[in-house]
Amino acid sequence: MAYNWHEKAEKDWDDRADFWHANSKEMWETGSRKDIVPFFKEYVPLDGEIGDLGCGDGCGAFLLSKEGYRVTGMDISPRMVEMSNAYKSERLDFIVGDLNRIPFQENELSGVMAINSLEWTEDPFKVLKDILQSVKKGGYALFGILGPTAQPRINSFARLTGQQVICNTMMPWEFEKLAELAGWEKIAERHVLKRGVDKKMADQLSSELKQALSFMTLFMLKA
């Protein structure tokens, strides 16, 4: 029987939904994701439509909408989208969708946020090109990519023993090269440093070394 990435990803994230929801608000407000919305605001204007691709329970999309953005959150998990609908408003909607088959039209979006979701796609290079097609020329995309020693990377470990997995983890520098090949321009980068890393020390380091010390690297790209 052929391995069905979509079905496996949908089931796995449905199963994870309750655990994710229990921790999501803390992550976005005070934890590892607290700097994402402020970073997004620095570059992405309020006009136009924003897609939160891999929105989980919708907390990040909700925070963007509170800042004045019109947002559509998309997730492969129907259970996640069911949870996210509690946040729905005039400027905020949610749909079930798969990044491998992105449900947005060409030039439909002014901006995109995709935090730790590209890694969960079967063909990240194709997905990056498809997202580029959905974003207007001059639009923006903010991607969050896990650092080399971030614990969630364990989700792709089994591939090294020959098993099929639904997580394509990549190094931040690999993402950067992949995005460039797909046609994106990097315009800014931020680092969510791992606990225990001295920020003043890290500020003196090169981008590559900062990536190595980060739980997650945030890339702001331009179409």
N, C-alpha and C. Protein backbone atom coordinates (compact mmCIF):
# COMPACT_ATOMS: atom_id res chain seq x y z
N MET A 1 0.84 -1.19 0.00
CA MET A 1 0.00 0.00 0.00
C MET A 1 0.88 1.26 0.00
N ALA A 2 0.61 2.20 -0.89
CA ALA A 2 1.40 3.41 -1.01
C ALA A 2 1.27 4.26 0.26
N TYR A 3 2.37 4.91 0.62
CA TYR A 3 2.38 5.78 1.79
C TYR A 3 1.68 7.09 1.43
N ASN A 4 0.66 7.44 2.18
CA ASN A 4 -0.13 8.64 1.90
C ASN A 4 0.25 9.72 2.91
N TRP A 5 1.11 10.64 2.46
CA TRP A 5 1.62 11.70 3.34
C TRP A 5 0.47 12.53 3.89
N HIS A 6 -0.46 12.93 3.04
CA HIS A 6 -1.57 13.80 3.47
C HIS A 6 -2.38 13.14 4.58
N GLU A 7 -2.77 11.88 4.38
CA GLU A 7 -3.60 11.20 5.39
C GLU A 7 -2.85 11.03 6.70
N LYS A 8 -1.58 10.68 6.62
CA LYS A 8 -0.79 10.49 7.84
C LYS A 8 -0.60 11.81 8.57
N ALA A 9 -0.32 12.89 7.83
CA ALA A 9 -0.14 14.20 8.46
C ALA A 9 -1.43 14.68 9.11
N GLU A 10 -2.54 14.51 8.41
CA GLU A 10 -3.83 14.93 8.97
C GLU A 10 -4.12 14.19 10.26
N LYS A 11 -3.92 12.87 10.27
CA LYS A 11 -4.21 12.09 11.48
C LYS A 11 -3.27 12.46 12.62
N ASP A 12 -1.98 12.58 12.32
CA ASP A 12 -1.01 12.90 13.38
C ASP A 12 -1.32 14.24 14.04
N TRP A 13 -1.67 15.26 13.22
CA TRP A 13 -1.94 16.57 13.80
C TRP A 13 -3.31 16.64 14.45
N ASP A 14 -4.25 15.84 14.00
CA ASP A 14 -5.50 15.72 14.76
C ASP A 14 -5.22 15.14 16.14
N ASP A 15 -4.35 14.12 16.19
CA ASP A 15 -4.01 13.49 17.47
C ASP A 15 -3.24 14.43 18.39
N ARG A 16 -2.45 15.34 17.83
CA ARG A 16 -1.65 16.27 18.62
C ARG A 16 -2.43 17.52 19.05
N ALA A 17 -3.62 17.71 18.51
CA ALA A 17 -4.31 19.00 18.64
C ALA A 17 -4.54 19.43 20.08
N ASP A 18 -5.00 18.52 20.93
CA ASP A 18 -5.29 18.90 22.31
C ASP A 18 -4.02 19.33 23.05
N PHE A 19 -2.93 18.57 22.85
CA PHE A 19 -1.66 18.94 23.49
C PHE A 19 -1.17 20.29 22.98
N TRP A 20 -1.26 20.49 21.66
CA TRP A 20 -0.81 21.75 21.07
C TRP A 20 -1.62 22.92 21.64
N HIS A 21 -2.92 22.75 21.67
CA HIS A 21 -3.81 23.82 22.14
C HIS A 21 -3.51 24.19 23.59
N ALA A 22 -3.15 23.21 24.40
CA ALA A 22 -2.86 23.48 25.82
C ALA A 22 -1.63 24.34 26.00
N ASN A 23 -0.74 24.36 25.01
CA ASN A 23 0.52 25.09 25.13
C ASN A 23 0.64 26.29 24.19
N SER A 24 -0.27 26.41 23.23
CA SER A 24 -0.14 27.39 22.17
C SER A 24 -0.13 28.83 22.68
N LYS A 25 -1.07 29.18 23.52
CA LYS A 25 -1.20 30.56 23.98
C LYS A 25 0.09 31.03 24.67
N GLU A 26 0.65 30.17 25.52
CA GLU A 26 1.89 30.53 26.22
C GLU A 26 3.03 30.71 25.23
N MET A 27 3.14 29.83 24.24
CA MET A 27 4.21 29.93 23.24
C MET A 27 4.15 31.27 22.51
N TRP A 28 2.93 31.66 22.09
CA TRP A 28 2.78 32.88 21.30
C TRP A 28 2.90 34.15 22.14
N GLU A 29 2.50 34.12 23.39
CA GLU A 29 2.49 35.33 24.20
C GLU A 29 3.77 35.56 24.99
N THR A 30 4.38 34.49 25.52
CA THR A 30 5.56 34.68 26.36
C THR A 30 6.69 33.71 26.04
N GLY A 31 6.44 32.73 25.18
CA GLY A 31 7.43 31.69 24.92
C GLY A 31 8.19 31.87 23.62
N SER A 32 8.48 30.77 22.96
CA SER A 32 9.37 30.77 21.80
C SER A 32 8.81 31.52 20.60
N ARG A 33 7.51 31.81 20.58
CA ARG A 33 6.91 32.49 19.43
C ARG A 33 6.54 33.95 19.71
N LYS A 34 6.94 34.46 20.86
CA LYS A 34 6.49 35.80 21.27
C LYS A 34 7.01 36.92 20.37
N ASP A 35 8.14 36.71 19.69
CA ASP A 35 8.72 37.77 18.86
C ASP A 35 8.26 37.71 17.41
N ILE A 36 7.44 36.73 17.05
CA ILE A 36 7.08 36.53 15.65
C ILE A 36 6.17 37.64 15.12
N VAL A 37 5.10 37.94 15.82
CA VAL A 37 4.17 38.96 15.35
C VAL A 37 4.84 40.34 15.30
N PRO A 38 5.62 40.75 16.33
CA PRO A 38 6.33 42.02 16.21
C PRO A 38 7.28 42.07 15.01
N PHE A 39 7.97 40.97 14.73
CA PHE A 39 8.86 40.91 13.57
C PHE A 39 8.06 41.04 12.28
N PHE A 40 6.93 40.35 12.21
CA PHE A 40 6.05 40.44 11.03
C PHE A 40 5.61 41.87 10.79
N LYS A 41 5.22 42.56 11.86
CA LYS A 41 4.74 43.94 11.76
C LYS A 41 5.79 44.91 11.23
N GLU A 42 7.06 44.62 11.47
CA GLU A 42 8.13 45.51 11.02
C GLU A 42 8.17 45.63 9.50
N TYR A 43 7.72 44.60 8.79
CA TYR A 43 7.90 44.56 7.35
C TYR A 43 6.60 44.49 6.55
N VAL A 44 5.57 43.89 7.09
CA VAL A 44 4.39 43.60 6.29
C VAL A 44 3.30 44.64 6.52
N PRO A 45 2.90 45.39 5.48
CA PRO A 45 1.85 46.41 5.64
C PRO A 45 0.50 45.77 5.94
N LEU A 46 -0.41 46.58 6.45
CA LEU A 46 -1.71 46.08 6.88
C LEU A 46 -2.67 45.79 5.72
N ASP A 47 -2.42 46.37 4.57
CA ASP A 47 -3.36 46.18 3.46
C ASP A 47 -3.19 44.77 2.86
N GLY A 48 -4.27 44.28 2.28
CA GLY A 48 -4.23 42.99 1.62
C GLY A 48 -4.55 41.82 2.54
N GLU A 49 -4.45 40.62 2.00
CA GLU A 49 -4.80 39.39 2.71
C GLU A 49 -3.54 38.66 3.14
N ILE A 50 -3.58 38.14 4.37
CA ILE A 50 -2.47 37.38 4.92
C ILE A 50 -2.88 35.92 5.08
N GLY A 51 -2.00 35.00 4.70
CA GLY A 51 -2.25 33.59 4.93
C GLY A 51 -1.34 33.06 6.02
N ASP A 52 -1.93 32.48 7.06
CA ASP A 52 -1.15 31.80 8.10
C ASP A 52 -1.18 30.31 7.75
N LEU A 53 -0.10 29.82 7.19
CA LEU A 53 -0.07 28.48 6.59
C LEU A 53 0.51 27.47 7.58
N GLY A 54 -0.38 26.62 8.08
CA GLY A 54 -0.02 25.74 9.18
C GLY A 54 -0.32 26.45 10.48
N CYS A 55 -1.56 26.93 10.60
CA CYS A 55 -1.94 27.86 11.69
C CYS A 55 -2.18 27.17 13.01
N GLY A 56 -2.22 25.82 13.04
CA GLY A 56 -2.49 25.15 14.30
C GLY A 56 -3.84 25.53 14.86
N ASP A 57 -3.88 25.88 16.13
CA ASP A 57 -5.16 26.22 16.77
C ASP A 57 -5.56 27.67 16.55
N GLY A 58 -4.81 28.40 15.71
CA GLY A 58 -5.23 29.74 15.31
C GLY A 58 -4.74 30.88 16.17
N CYS A 59 -3.94 30.61 17.19
CA CYS A 59 -3.54 31.68 18.11
C CYS A 59 -2.69 32.73 17.40
N GLY A 60 -1.73 32.31 16.58
CA GLY A 60 -0.89 33.27 15.86
C GLY A 60 -1.68 34.11 14.89
N ALA A 61 -2.59 33.47 14.16
CA ALA A 61 -3.44 34.21 13.23
C ALA A 61 -4.30 35.22 13.98
N PHE A 62 -4.79 34.83 15.14
CA PHE A 62 -5.59 35.73 15.96
C PHE A 62 -4.79 36.96 16.38
N LEU A 63 -3.53 36.75 16.80
CA LEU A 63 -2.70 37.87 17.21
C LEU A 63 -2.41 38.81 16.03
N LEU A 64 -2.23 38.25 14.83
CA LEU A 64 -2.07 39.10 13.65
C LEU A 64 -3.32 39.93 13.40
N SER A 65 -4.48 39.30 13.52
CA SER A 65 -5.73 40.02 13.27
C SER A 65 -5.93 41.13 14.29
N LYS A 66 -5.49 40.92 15.52
CA LYS A 66 -5.59 41.96 16.55
C LYS A 66 -4.75 43.18 16.19
N GLU A 67 -3.71 42.97 15.39
CA GLU A 67 -2.85 44.07 14.96
C GLU A 67 -3.42 44.79 13.74
N GLY A 68 -4.54 44.30 13.22
CA GLY A 68 -5.20 44.97 12.10
C GLY A 68 -5.12 44.25 10.76
N TYR A 69 -4.46 43.08 10.71
CA TYR A 69 -4.36 42.32 9.47
C TYR A 69 -5.64 41.54 9.19
N ARG A 70 -5.94 41.36 7.91
CA ARG A 70 -6.99 40.42 7.50
C ARG A 70 -6.31 39.09 7.21
N VAL A 71 -6.71 38.05 7.94
CA VAL A 71 -5.96 36.80 7.94
C VAL A 71 -6.87 35.60 7.64
N THR A 72 -6.35 34.70 6.82
CA THR A 72 -6.95 33.37 6.66
C THR A 72 -5.95 32.36 7.19
N GLY A 73 -6.33 31.65 8.24
CA GLY A 73 -5.49 30.59 8.78
C GLY A 73 -5.84 29.28 8.13
N MET A 74 -4.81 28.50 7.77
CA MET A 74 -5.01 27.21 7.11
C MET A 74 -4.23 26.14 7.85
N ASP A 75 -4.86 25.00 8.04
CA ASP A 75 -4.17 23.87 8.66
C ASP A 75 -4.67 22.57 8.06
N ILE A 76 -3.81 21.57 8.04
CA ILE A 76 -4.18 20.26 7.49
C ILE A 76 -5.09 19.48 8.42
N SER A 77 -5.10 19.86 9.70
CA SER A 77 -5.86 19.13 10.71
C SER A 77 -7.26 19.72 10.91
N PRO A 78 -8.31 18.98 10.57
CA PRO A 78 -9.66 19.48 10.83
C PRO A 78 -9.90 19.77 12.30
N ARG A 79 -9.28 19.00 13.17
CA ARG A 79 -9.44 19.23 14.61
C ARG A 79 -8.82 20.58 15.01
N MET A 80 -7.66 20.89 14.47
CA MET A 80 -7.04 22.18 14.75
C MET A 80 -7.93 23.33 14.26
N VAL A 81 -8.45 23.19 13.05
CA VAL A 81 -9.31 24.25 12.50
C VAL A 81 -10.58 24.39 13.32
N GLU A 82 -11.10 23.28 13.80
CA GLU A 82 -12.28 23.35 14.68
C GLU A 82 -11.98 24.18 15.92
N MET A 83 -10.80 23.97 16.50
CA MET A 83 -10.40 24.76 17.66
C MET A 83 -10.21 26.23 17.30
N SER A 84 -9.59 26.47 16.15
CA SER A 84 -9.27 27.84 15.75
C SER A 84 -10.52 28.67 15.48
N ASN A 85 -11.61 28.03 15.13
CA ASN A 85 -12.83 28.78 14.81
C ASN A 85 -13.35 29.60 15.98
N ALA A 86 -12.87 29.28 17.18
CA ALA A 86 -13.25 30.09 18.35
C ALA A 86 -12.72 31.52 18.22
N TYR A 87 -11.68 31.72 17.39
CA TYR A 87 -11.07 33.03 17.19
C TYR A 87 -11.70 33.80 16.02
N LYS A 88 -12.59 33.19 15.26
CA LYS A 88 -13.10 33.82 14.03
C LYS A 88 -13.68 35.20 14.30
N SER A 89 -13.43 36.10 13.34
CA SER A 89 -13.96 37.46 13.45
C SER A 89 -14.11 38.02 12.05
N GLU A 90 -14.44 39.29 11.98
CA GLU A 90 -14.62 39.94 10.68
C GLU A 90 -13.32 39.92 9.86
N ARG A 91 -12.18 39.99 10.54
CA ARG A 91 -10.88 40.01 9.85
C ARG A 91 -10.17 38.67 9.88
N LEU A 92 -10.81 37.63 10.37
CA LEU A 92 -10.11 36.38 10.60
C LEU A 92 -10.99 35.18 10.26
N ASP A 93 -10.49 34.31 9.38
CA ASP A 93 -11.21 33.10 9.01
C ASP A 93 -10.23 31.93 8.97
N PHE A 94 -10.77 30.72 8.96
CA PHE A 94 -9.93 29.52 8.97
C PHE A 94 -10.47 28.50 7.98
N ILE A 95 -9.53 27.78 7.36
CA ILE A 95 -9.90 26.73 6.41
C ILE A 95 -8.99 25.52 6.62
N VAL A 96 -9.50 24.35 6.25
CA VAL A 96 -8.69 23.14 6.21
C VAL A 96 -7.99 23.11 4.86
N GLY A 97 -6.68 22.91 4.88
CA GLY A 97 -5.92 22.87 3.63
C GLY A 97 -4.56 22.26 3.83
N ASP A 98 -3.93 21.89 2.72
CA ASP A 98 -2.65 21.19 2.73
C ASP A 98 -1.63 22.04 1.98
N LEU A 99 -0.50 22.33 2.62
CA LEU A 99 0.55 23.11 1.96
C LEU A 99 1.07 22.44 0.69
N ASN A 100 0.95 21.11 0.63
CA ASN A 100 1.36 20.41 -0.59
C ASN A 100 0.42 20.69 -1.76
N ARG A 101 -0.77 21.20 -1.44
CA ARG A 101 -1.75 21.57 -2.47
C ARG A 101 -2.38 22.89 -2.04
N ILE A 102 -1.60 23.93 -2.06
CA ILE A 102 -1.99 25.21 -1.46
C ILE A 102 -3.29 25.74 -2.08
N PRO A 103 -4.28 26.10 -1.26
CA PRO A 103 -5.61 26.46 -1.77
C PRO A 103 -5.79 27.96 -2.03
N PHE A 104 -4.72 28.65 -2.40
CA PHE A 104 -4.83 30.08 -2.70
C PHE A 104 -4.50 30.32 -4.17
N GLN A 105 -5.15 31.33 -4.74
CA GLN A 105 -4.95 31.64 -6.15
C GLN A 105 -3.65 32.42 -6.36
N GLU A 106 -3.23 32.52 -7.60
CA GLU A 106 -2.04 33.28 -7.94
C GLU A 106 -2.23 34.75 -7.57
N ASN A 107 -1.25 35.32 -6.90
CA ASN A 107 -1.26 36.73 -6.49
C ASN A 107 -2.40 37.09 -5.54
N GLU A 108 -2.92 36.11 -4.82
CA GLU A 108 -4.06 36.37 -3.93
C GLU A 108 -3.64 37.02 -2.61
N LEU A 109 -2.44 36.72 -2.13
CA LEU A 109 -2.02 37.14 -0.80
C LEU A 109 -1.01 38.27 -0.85
N SER A 110 -1.05 39.13 0.16
CA SER A 110 -0.03 40.16 0.32
C SER A 110 1.10 39.69 1.22
N GLY A 111 0.81 38.72 2.04
CA GLY A 111 1.83 38.22 2.96
C GLY A 111 1.47 36.84 3.46
N VAL A 112 2.49 36.15 3.96
CA VAL A 112 2.33 34.78 4.47
C VAL A 112 3.12 34.64 5.76
N MET A 113 2.56 33.87 6.68
CA MET A 113 3.30 33.43 7.87
C MET A 113 3.24 31.91 7.90
N ALA A 114 4.42 31.27 8.02
CA ALA A 114 4.49 29.81 8.05
C ALA A 114 5.54 29.41 9.08
N ILE A 115 5.10 29.11 10.28
CA ILE A 115 6.00 28.85 11.39
C ILE A 115 6.09 27.35 11.66
N ASN A 116 7.29 26.80 11.42
CA ASN A 116 7.53 25.36 11.62
C ASN A 116 6.52 24.50 10.88
N SER A 117 6.08 24.95 9.73
CA SER A 117 5.12 24.15 8.94
C SER A 117 5.72 23.63 7.64
N LEU A 118 6.67 24.36 7.05
CA LEU A 118 7.28 23.89 5.80
C LEU A 118 7.94 22.52 6.00
N GLU A 119 8.51 22.30 7.18
CA GLU A 119 9.18 21.03 7.46
C GLU A 119 8.23 19.84 7.40
N TRP A 120 6.94 20.11 7.54
CA TRP A 120 5.95 19.03 7.57
C TRP A 120 5.33 18.79 6.19
N THR A 121 6.03 19.19 5.14
CA THR A 121 5.52 18.97 3.79
C THR A 121 6.39 17.95 3.06
N GLU A 122 5.78 17.28 2.10
CA GLU A 122 6.45 16.21 1.37
C GLU A 122 7.50 16.74 0.41
N ASP A 123 7.26 17.92 -0.16
CA ASP A 123 8.17 18.50 -1.15
C ASP A 123 8.35 19.99 -0.84
N PRO A 124 9.22 20.33 0.13
CA PRO A 124 9.37 21.73 0.55
C PRO A 124 9.73 22.68 -0.59
N PHE A 125 10.53 22.24 -1.54
CA PHE A 125 10.92 23.11 -2.64
C PHE A 125 9.72 23.49 -3.48
N LYS A 126 8.88 22.52 -3.82
CA LYS A 126 7.65 22.81 -4.57
C LYS A 126 6.74 23.74 -3.77
N VAL A 127 6.62 23.50 -2.48
CA VAL A 127 5.75 24.32 -1.63
C VAL A 127 6.23 25.77 -1.62
N LEU A 128 7.54 25.98 -1.52
CA LEU A 128 8.07 27.34 -1.54
C LEU A 128 7.75 28.04 -2.86
N LYS A 129 7.82 27.31 -3.96
CA LYS A 129 7.49 27.91 -5.26
C LYS A 129 5.99 28.18 -5.36
N ASP A 130 5.17 27.28 -4.84
CA ASP A 130 3.72 27.48 -4.88
C ASP A 130 3.30 28.69 -4.04
N ILE A 131 3.92 28.83 -2.86
CA ILE A 131 3.60 29.98 -2.01
C ILE A 131 4.00 31.27 -2.71
N LEU A 132 5.16 31.25 -3.37
CA LEU A 132 5.60 32.44 -4.11
C LEU A 132 4.58 32.84 -5.16
N GLN A 133 3.98 31.86 -5.82
CA GLN A 133 2.96 32.15 -6.84
C GLN A 133 1.71 32.78 -6.22
N SER A 134 1.41 32.40 -4.97
CA SER A 134 0.19 32.90 -4.32
C SER A 134 0.36 34.30 -3.75
N VAL A 135 1.62 34.77 -3.63
CA VAL A 135 1.91 36.08 -3.05
C VAL A 135 2.15 37.11 -4.16
N LYS A 136 1.56 38.27 -3.99
CA LYS A 136 1.74 39.35 -4.97
C LYS A 136 3.21 39.77 -5.05
N LYS A 137 3.62 40.23 -6.22
CA LYS A 137 4.97 40.73 -6.40
C LYS A 137 5.23 41.85 -5.39
N GLY A 138 6.32 41.73 -4.64
CA GLY A 138 6.63 42.70 -3.60
C GLY A 138 6.05 42.33 -2.26
N GLY A 139 5.28 41.23 -2.20
CA GLY A 139 4.71 40.78 -0.94
C GLY A 139 5.75 40.06 -0.09
N TYR A 140 5.34 39.63 1.09
CA TYR A 140 6.28 39.11 2.08
C TYR A 140 5.87 37.73 2.58
N ALA A 141 6.87 37.01 3.09
CA ALA A 141 6.60 35.73 3.76
C ALA A 141 7.56 35.58 4.93
N LEU A 142 7.02 35.23 6.07
CA LEU A 142 7.82 34.99 7.27
C LEU A 142 7.78 33.49 7.56
N PHE A 143 8.95 32.86 7.50
CA PHE A 143 9.08 31.43 7.80
C PHE A 143 9.86 31.24 9.08
N GLY A 144 9.42 30.29 9.89
CA GLY A 144 10.16 29.89 11.08
C GLY A 144 10.70 28.49 10.88
N ILE A 145 12.03 28.32 11.00
CA ILE A 145 12.69 27.04 10.76
C ILE A 145 13.45 26.62 12.02
N LEU A 146 13.25 25.39 12.45
CA LEU A 146 13.88 24.90 13.67
C LEU A 146 15.41 24.89 13.57
N GLY A 147 16.06 25.16 14.69
CA GLY A 147 17.51 25.12 14.75
C GLY A 147 18.04 23.69 14.77
N PRO A 148 19.36 23.53 14.62
CA PRO A 148 19.97 22.21 14.49
C PRO A 148 19.70 21.26 15.66
N THR A 149 19.58 21.80 16.87
CA THR A 149 19.38 20.93 18.03
C THR A 149 18.03 21.12 18.69
N ALA A 150 17.08 21.72 17.98
CA ALA A 150 15.73 21.90 18.54
C ALA A 150 15.07 20.54 18.73
N GLN A 151 14.50 20.33 19.89
CA GLN A 151 13.95 19.01 20.24
C GLN A 151 12.90 18.50 19.25
N PRO A 152 12.01 19.36 18.70
CA PRO A 152 11.00 18.83 17.78
C PRO A 152 11.56 18.18 16.52
N ARG A 153 12.86 18.39 16.23
CA ARG A 153 13.46 17.74 15.07
C ARG A 153 13.44 16.23 15.20
N ILE A 154 13.20 15.71 16.42
CA ILE A 154 13.13 14.27 16.63
C ILE A 154 12.06 13.62 15.74
N ASN A 155 11.09 14.43 15.30
CA ASN A 155 10.01 13.88 14.48
C ASN A 155 10.50 13.33 13.14
N SER A 156 11.68 13.73 12.70
CA SER A 156 12.18 13.22 11.43
C SER A 156 13.29 12.19 11.61
N PHE A 157 13.65 11.88 12.85
CA PHE A 157 14.79 10.98 13.10
C PHE A 157 14.60 9.61 12.46
N ALA A 158 13.39 9.08 12.50
CA ALA A 158 13.16 7.71 12.04
C ALA A 158 13.51 7.50 10.57
N ARG A 159 13.61 8.57 9.81
CA ARG A 159 13.97 8.41 8.40
C ARG A 159 15.37 7.83 8.26
N LEU A 160 16.21 8.03 9.28
CA LEU A 160 17.58 7.53 9.25
C LEU A 160 17.65 6.03 9.46
N THR A 161 16.56 5.45 9.92
CA THR A 161 16.49 3.99 10.06
C THR A 161 15.65 3.37 8.95
N GLY A 162 15.37 4.16 7.92
CA GLY A 162 14.65 3.64 6.76
C GLY A 162 13.15 3.71 6.87
N GLN A 163 12.63 4.33 7.92
CA GLN A 163 11.19 4.44 8.08
C GLN A 163 10.66 5.66 7.33
N GLN A 164 9.38 5.60 7.00
CA GLN A 164 8.75 6.74 6.35
C GLN A 164 8.19 7.68 7.41
N VAL A 165 8.48 8.95 7.28
CA VAL A 165 8.03 9.96 8.24
C VAL A 165 7.38 11.11 7.49
N ILE A 166 6.67 11.96 8.21
CA ILE A 166 5.98 13.10 7.58
C ILE A 166 6.63 14.42 7.96
N CYS A 167 7.93 14.35 8.31
CA CYS A 167 8.63 15.57 8.72
C CYS A 167 9.95 15.66 7.97
N ASN A 168 10.10 16.69 7.18
CA ASN A 168 11.31 16.97 6.41
C ASN A 168 12.12 18.07 7.09
N THR A 169 12.71 17.76 8.24
CA THR A 169 13.48 18.82 8.90
C THR A 169 14.66 19.22 8.03
N MET A 170 15.02 20.50 8.12
CA MET A 170 16.14 21.03 7.35
C MET A 170 16.88 22.04 8.21
N MET A 171 18.15 22.20 7.93
CA MET A 171 18.92 23.21 8.62
C MET A 171 18.48 24.60 8.14
N PRO A 172 18.59 25.62 9.01
CA PRO A 172 18.24 26.97 8.56
C PRO A 172 18.99 27.40 7.31
N TRP A 173 20.28 27.05 7.22
CA TRP A 173 21.04 27.44 6.04
C TRP A 173 20.54 26.72 4.80
N GLU A 174 20.03 25.49 4.97
CA GLU A 174 19.45 24.76 3.84
C GLU A 174 18.16 25.44 3.37
N PHE A 175 17.34 25.85 4.34
CA PHE A 175 16.12 26.58 3.98
C PHE A 175 16.46 27.85 3.21
N GLU A 176 17.46 28.57 3.68
CA GLU A 176 17.83 29.83 3.04
C GLU A 176 18.20 29.61 1.57
N LYS A 177 18.98 28.58 1.30
CA LYS A 177 19.38 28.27 -0.07
C LYS A 177 18.18 27.80 -0.89
N LEU A 178 17.32 27.00 -0.27
CA LEU A 178 16.14 26.48 -0.96
C LEU A 178 15.20 27.62 -1.35
N ALA A 179 15.01 28.57 -0.44
CA ALA A 179 14.15 29.72 -0.71
C ALA A 179 14.70 30.56 -1.85
N GLU A 180 16.01 30.76 -1.86
CA GLU A 180 16.64 31.53 -2.94
C GLU A 180 16.44 30.84 -4.29
N LEU A 181 16.62 29.51 -4.32
CA LEU A 181 16.43 28.75 -5.56
C LEU A 181 14.98 28.82 -6.03
N ALA A 182 14.05 28.93 -5.07
CA ALA A 182 12.62 29.00 -5.41
C ALA A 182 12.21 30.37 -5.91
N GLY A 183 13.09 31.38 -5.76
CA GLY A 183 12.78 32.71 -6.28
C GLY A 183 12.53 33.78 -5.23
N TRP A 184 12.70 33.44 -3.94
CA TRP A 184 12.50 34.42 -2.87
C TRP A 184 13.77 35.23 -2.62
N GLU A 185 13.59 36.42 -2.06
CA GLU A 185 14.70 37.26 -1.63
C GLU A 185 14.64 37.40 -0.11
N LYS A 186 15.72 37.04 0.57
CA LYS A 186 15.77 37.24 2.03
C LYS A 186 16.08 38.69 2.33
N ILE A 187 15.27 39.29 3.21
CA ILE A 187 15.52 40.69 3.55
C ILE A 187 15.82 40.88 5.04
N ALA A 188 15.53 39.87 5.86
CA ALA A 188 15.83 40.00 7.28
C ALA A 188 15.82 38.63 7.94
N GLU A 189 16.46 38.57 9.09
CA GLU A 189 16.58 37.30 9.82
C GLU A 189 16.61 37.60 11.31
N ARG A 190 15.89 36.81 12.09
CA ARG A 190 15.91 36.93 13.56
C ARG A 190 16.10 35.54 14.16
N HIS A 191 16.57 35.51 15.40
CA HIS A 191 16.89 34.23 16.03
C HIS A 191 16.20 34.11 17.38
N VAL A 192 15.53 32.99 17.58
CA VAL A 192 14.98 32.66 18.89
C VAL A 192 16.02 31.78 19.56
N LEU A 193 16.85 32.38 20.39
CA LEU A 193 17.98 31.67 20.97
C LEU A 193 17.53 30.58 21.94
N LYS A 194 18.31 29.53 22.00
CA LYS A 194 18.01 28.46 22.94
C LYS A 194 18.23 28.95 24.37
N ARG A 195 17.53 28.33 25.30
CA ARG A 195 17.72 28.68 26.71
C ARG A 195 19.17 28.45 27.11
N GLY A 196 19.70 29.40 27.85
CA GLY A 196 21.08 29.28 28.30
C GLY A 196 22.08 30.01 27.43
N VAL A 197 21.67 30.45 26.24
CA VAL A 197 22.57 31.19 25.36
C VAL A 197 22.56 32.67 25.77
N ASP A 198 23.72 33.24 25.96
CA ASP A 198 23.83 34.64 26.33
C ASP A 198 23.58 35.51 25.11
N LYS A 199 22.55 36.35 25.16
CA LYS A 199 22.17 37.16 24.01
C LYS A 199 23.28 38.14 23.62
N LYS A 200 23.92 38.77 24.59
CA LYS A 200 24.97 39.73 24.27
C LYS A 200 26.11 39.05 23.53
N MET A 201 26.44 37.84 23.96
CA MET A 201 27.48 37.08 23.28
C MET A 201 27.03 36.70 21.87
N ALA A 202 25.79 36.24 21.75
CA ALA A 202 25.29 35.80 20.45
C ALA A 202 25.21 36.95 19.45
N ASP A 203 24.93 38.15 19.94
CA ASP A 203 24.82 39.31 19.04
C ASP A 203 26.12 39.60 18.30
N GLN A 204 27.24 39.13 18.83
CA GLN A 204 28.53 39.38 18.20
C GLN A 204 28.87 38.35 17.13
N LEU A 205 28.06 37.31 17.01
CA LEU A 205 28.39 36.19 16.13
C LEU A 205 27.82 36.37 14.74
N SER A 206 28.33 35.58 13.81
CA SER A 206 27.81 35.58 12.43
C SER A 206 26.43 34.96 12.39
N SER A 207 25.73 35.17 11.30
CA SER A 207 24.39 34.60 11.14
C SER A 207 24.42 33.08 11.27
N GLU A 208 25.43 32.43 10.68
CA GLU A 208 25.51 30.97 10.73
C GLU A 208 25.66 30.46 12.15
N LEU A 209 26.47 31.14 12.96
CA LEU A 209 26.65 30.71 14.35
C LEU A 209 25.41 31.01 15.18
N LYS A 210 24.74 32.11 14.91
CA LYS A 210 23.49 32.39 15.61
C LYS A 210 22.46 31.30 15.31
N GLN A 211 22.38 30.89 14.04
CA GLN A 211 21.46 29.81 13.67
C GLN A 211 21.76 28.55 14.47
N ALA A 212 23.04 28.25 14.65
CA ALA A 212 23.43 27.04 15.36
C ALA A 212 23.04 27.09 16.83
N LEU A 213 22.92 28.30 17.39
CA LEU A 213 22.58 28.46 18.80
C LEU A 213 21.09 28.72 19.03
N SER A 214 20.32 28.65 17.96
CA SER A 214 18.90 29.04 18.04
C SER A 214 17.97 27.84 18.09
N PHE A 215 16.90 28.00 18.85
CA PHE A 215 15.80 27.04 18.79
C PHE A 215 15.08 27.17 17.45
N MET A 216 14.97 28.40 16.97
CA MET A 216 14.29 28.66 15.71
C MET A 216 14.87 29.91 15.07
N THR A 217 15.02 29.87 13.74
CA THR A 217 15.42 31.05 12.99
C THR A 217 14.24 31.55 12.20
N LEU A 218 13.99 32.85 12.26
CA LEU A 218 12.90 33.49 11.53
C LEU A 218 13.48 34.18 10.30
N PHE A 219 12.92 33.86 9.15
CA PHE A 219 13.36 34.45 7.89
C PHE A 219 12.25 35.31 7.29
N MET A 220 12.54 36.58 7.04
CA MET A 220 11.59 37.43 6.32
C MET A 220 12.03 37.46 4.87
N LEU A 221 11.13 37.01 3.97
CA LEU A 221 11.41 36.93 2.55
C LEU A 221 10.51 37.89 1.79
N LYS A 222 10.97 38.28 0.60
CA LYS A 222 10.18 39.15 -0.26
C LYS A 222 9.99 38.48 -1.61
N ALA A 223 8.78 38.59 -2.14
CA ALA A 223 8.46 37.98 -3.44
C ALA A 223 9.01 38.82 -4.58
